[in-house]
N, C-alpha and C. Protein backbone atom coordinates (compact mmCIF):
# COMPACT_ATOMS: atom_id res chain seq x y z
N GLY A 1 -10.55 -92.36 120.73
CA GLY A 1 -11.19 -91.15 120.27
C GLY A 1 -10.74 -90.78 118.88
N GLY A 2 -11.34 -89.75 118.34
CA GLY A 2 -11.07 -89.32 116.98
C GLY A 2 -9.64 -88.88 116.74
N ALA A 3 -9.07 -88.12 117.65
CA ALA A 3 -7.70 -87.63 117.46
C ALA A 3 -6.71 -88.79 117.44
N LYS A 4 -6.87 -89.75 118.34
CA LYS A 4 -5.96 -90.91 118.35
C LYS A 4 -6.05 -91.66 117.04
N GLY A 5 -7.26 -91.75 116.47
CA GLY A 5 -7.43 -92.41 115.17
C GLY A 5 -6.66 -91.70 114.07
N TRP A 6 -6.68 -90.37 114.10
CA TRP A 6 -5.93 -89.61 113.11
C TRP A 6 -4.44 -89.80 113.30
N PHE A 7 -3.98 -89.86 114.54
CA PHE A 7 -2.56 -90.12 114.79
C PHE A 7 -2.17 -91.47 114.21
N GLY A 8 -2.98 -92.47 114.45
CA GLY A 8 -2.70 -93.81 113.91
C GLY A 8 -2.62 -93.80 112.40
N ARG A 9 -3.55 -93.09 111.75
CA ARG A 9 -3.52 -93.00 110.29
C ARG A 9 -2.26 -92.28 109.82
N ALA A 10 -1.95 -91.16 110.46
CA ALA A 10 -0.77 -90.38 110.05
C ALA A 10 0.51 -91.19 110.24
N PHE A 11 0.66 -91.81 111.42
CA PHE A 11 1.91 -92.51 111.73
C PHE A 11 2.02 -93.87 111.05
N ASN A 12 0.93 -94.61 110.98
CA ASN A 12 1.01 -95.98 110.46
C ASN A 12 0.69 -96.07 108.98
N THR A 13 -0.41 -95.46 108.54
CA THR A 13 -0.80 -95.55 107.14
C THR A 13 0.04 -94.62 106.27
N LEU A 14 0.23 -93.39 106.71
CA LEU A 14 0.96 -92.41 105.91
C LEU A 14 2.45 -92.35 106.25
N ASP A 15 2.87 -93.06 107.29
CA ASP A 15 4.26 -93.13 107.72
C ASP A 15 4.86 -91.75 108.04
N ALA A 16 4.03 -90.87 108.61
CA ALA A 16 4.52 -89.55 109.02
C ALA A 16 5.37 -89.71 110.28
N ALA A 17 6.37 -88.87 110.43
CA ALA A 17 7.22 -88.89 111.61
C ALA A 17 6.68 -87.96 112.70
N ARG A 18 5.83 -87.00 112.29
CA ARG A 18 5.36 -85.97 113.22
C ARG A 18 3.99 -85.47 112.76
N VAL A 19 3.14 -85.15 113.72
CA VAL A 19 1.84 -84.52 113.44
C VAL A 19 1.84 -83.18 114.16
N ILE A 20 1.38 -82.13 113.46
CA ILE A 20 1.31 -80.81 114.07
C ILE A 20 -0.12 -80.27 113.98
N ALA A 21 -0.40 -79.31 114.86
CA ALA A 21 -1.68 -78.61 114.85
C ALA A 21 -1.43 -77.15 115.16
N ASP A 22 -1.98 -76.25 114.35
CA ASP A 22 -1.94 -74.81 114.61
C ASP A 22 -3.16 -74.48 115.45
N ILE A 23 -2.95 -73.89 116.62
CA ILE A 23 -4.06 -73.57 117.50
C ILE A 23 -3.89 -72.15 118.03
N ARG A 24 -4.95 -71.37 117.96
CA ARG A 24 -4.93 -70.02 118.52
C ARG A 24 -4.81 -70.11 120.03
N PRO A 25 -4.01 -69.27 120.66
CA PRO A 25 -3.83 -69.34 122.11
C PRO A 25 -5.14 -69.26 122.90
N ALA A 26 -6.10 -68.49 122.42
CA ALA A 26 -7.37 -68.33 123.14
C ALA A 26 -8.29 -69.55 123.02
N ASP A 27 -7.98 -70.47 122.12
CA ASP A 27 -8.81 -71.66 121.91
C ASP A 27 -8.43 -72.73 122.94
N THR A 28 -8.83 -72.48 124.18
CA THR A 28 -8.41 -73.35 125.28
C THR A 28 -8.95 -74.77 125.14
N ALA A 29 -10.14 -74.94 124.57
CA ALA A 29 -10.69 -76.28 124.41
C ALA A 29 -9.80 -77.12 123.48
N SER A 30 -9.41 -76.56 122.35
CA SER A 30 -8.54 -77.29 121.41
C SER A 30 -7.17 -77.54 122.01
N ARG A 31 -6.66 -76.57 122.76
CA ARG A 31 -5.36 -76.74 123.40
C ARG A 31 -5.41 -77.88 124.41
N LYS A 32 -6.50 -77.97 125.18
CA LYS A 32 -6.64 -79.06 126.16
C LYS A 32 -6.71 -80.41 125.48
N VAL A 33 -7.44 -80.50 124.37
CA VAL A 33 -7.51 -81.77 123.63
C VAL A 33 -6.13 -82.16 123.14
N ALA A 34 -5.41 -81.22 122.54
CA ALA A 34 -4.07 -81.50 122.03
C ALA A 34 -3.16 -81.99 123.16
N GLU A 35 -3.22 -81.33 124.29
CA GLU A 35 -2.37 -81.71 125.42
C GLU A 35 -2.75 -83.07 125.99
N ARG A 36 -4.05 -83.36 126.06
CA ARG A 36 -4.49 -84.69 126.52
C ARG A 36 -4.01 -85.79 125.58
N MET A 37 -3.87 -85.46 124.30
CA MET A 37 -3.43 -86.45 123.31
C MET A 37 -1.90 -86.58 123.29
N GLY A 38 -1.21 -85.83 124.15
CA GLY A 38 0.24 -85.93 124.23
C GLY A 38 0.99 -84.91 123.41
N MET A 39 0.27 -84.00 122.74
CA MET A 39 0.93 -82.97 121.95
C MET A 39 1.46 -81.88 122.86
N ARG A 40 2.56 -81.27 122.46
CA ARG A 40 3.18 -80.19 123.23
C ARG A 40 3.49 -79.02 122.30
N VAL A 41 3.57 -77.82 122.86
CA VAL A 41 3.90 -76.64 122.05
C VAL A 41 5.33 -76.79 121.54
N ALA A 42 5.47 -76.69 120.22
CA ALA A 42 6.78 -76.85 119.59
C ALA A 42 7.23 -75.57 118.90
N GLY A 43 6.36 -74.57 118.85
CA GLY A 43 6.71 -73.33 118.19
C GLY A 43 5.51 -72.40 118.12
N GLN A 44 5.70 -71.33 117.38
CA GLN A 44 4.64 -70.34 117.21
C GLN A 44 4.85 -69.64 115.89
N HIS A 45 3.80 -69.02 115.38
CA HIS A 45 3.92 -68.25 114.15
C HIS A 45 2.72 -67.32 114.02
N ILE A 46 2.86 -66.39 113.10
CA ILE A 46 1.78 -65.47 112.78
C ILE A 46 1.21 -65.92 111.44
N GLN A 47 -0.10 -66.07 111.39
CA GLN A 47 -0.75 -66.53 110.16
C GLN A 47 -1.75 -65.47 109.72
N ASN A 48 -1.81 -65.21 108.42
CA ASN A 48 -2.77 -64.27 107.88
C ASN A 48 -4.09 -64.99 107.71
N VAL A 49 -5.12 -64.56 108.45
CA VAL A 49 -6.44 -65.15 108.39
C VAL A 49 -7.42 -64.07 107.96
N ASN A 50 -7.92 -64.20 106.73
CA ASN A 50 -8.87 -63.21 106.19
C ASN A 50 -8.34 -61.78 106.30
N GLY A 51 -7.07 -61.61 105.97
CA GLY A 51 -6.46 -60.29 105.97
C GLY A 51 -5.98 -59.78 107.32
N LYS A 52 -6.14 -60.60 108.35
CA LYS A 52 -5.72 -60.19 109.69
C LYS A 52 -4.61 -61.12 110.17
N GLU A 53 -3.52 -60.54 110.69
CA GLU A 53 -2.43 -61.36 111.21
C GLU A 53 -2.82 -61.89 112.59
N MET A 54 -2.76 -63.22 112.74
CA MET A 54 -3.18 -63.86 113.98
C MET A 54 -2.07 -64.78 114.49
N TYR A 55 -1.80 -64.67 115.77
CA TYR A 55 -0.78 -65.48 116.44
C TYR A 55 -1.33 -66.91 116.63
N HIS A 56 -0.50 -67.91 116.35
CA HIS A 56 -0.86 -69.31 116.53
C HIS A 56 0.25 -70.05 117.27
N LEU A 57 -0.13 -71.00 118.06
CA LEU A 57 0.81 -71.93 118.67
C LEU A 57 0.87 -73.18 117.78
N VAL A 58 2.03 -73.76 117.66
CA VAL A 58 2.19 -75.00 116.91
C VAL A 58 2.38 -76.12 117.91
N TYR A 59 1.39 -77.01 117.97
CA TYR A 59 1.49 -78.20 118.82
C TYR A 59 1.99 -79.34 117.95
N ALA A 60 2.80 -80.24 118.55
CA ALA A 60 3.35 -81.34 117.79
C ALA A 60 3.44 -82.60 118.64
N ILE A 61 3.43 -83.73 117.95
CA ILE A 61 3.70 -85.01 118.58
C ILE A 61 4.52 -85.84 117.59
N GLU A 62 5.51 -86.51 118.10
CA GLU A 62 6.38 -87.36 117.28
C GLU A 62 5.83 -88.78 117.25
N LYS A 63 6.14 -89.51 116.22
CA LYS A 63 5.64 -90.87 116.06
C LYS A 63 5.92 -91.73 117.28
N ASP A 64 7.10 -91.65 117.86
CA ASP A 64 7.44 -92.50 118.99
C ASP A 64 6.84 -92.04 120.30
N LYS A 65 6.11 -90.89 120.30
CA LYS A 65 5.51 -90.37 121.54
C LYS A 65 4.02 -90.63 121.64
N GLU A 66 3.41 -91.14 120.56
CA GLU A 66 1.94 -91.29 120.55
C GLU A 66 1.43 -92.23 121.61
């Protein structure tokens, strides 16, 4: 799938050690995709989006976990 392809590019072509994704907690579809791809919640933060502070979860996967 598309996400696995991006992981391959990040880890193999760009030699990244980790890939992260900021996902709003209410975005259950994106959270499910991230979790199916092996990503796990690694943190959280508040991001200013169009002048509004919005809570985000940080999903991450390490190169050796893909």
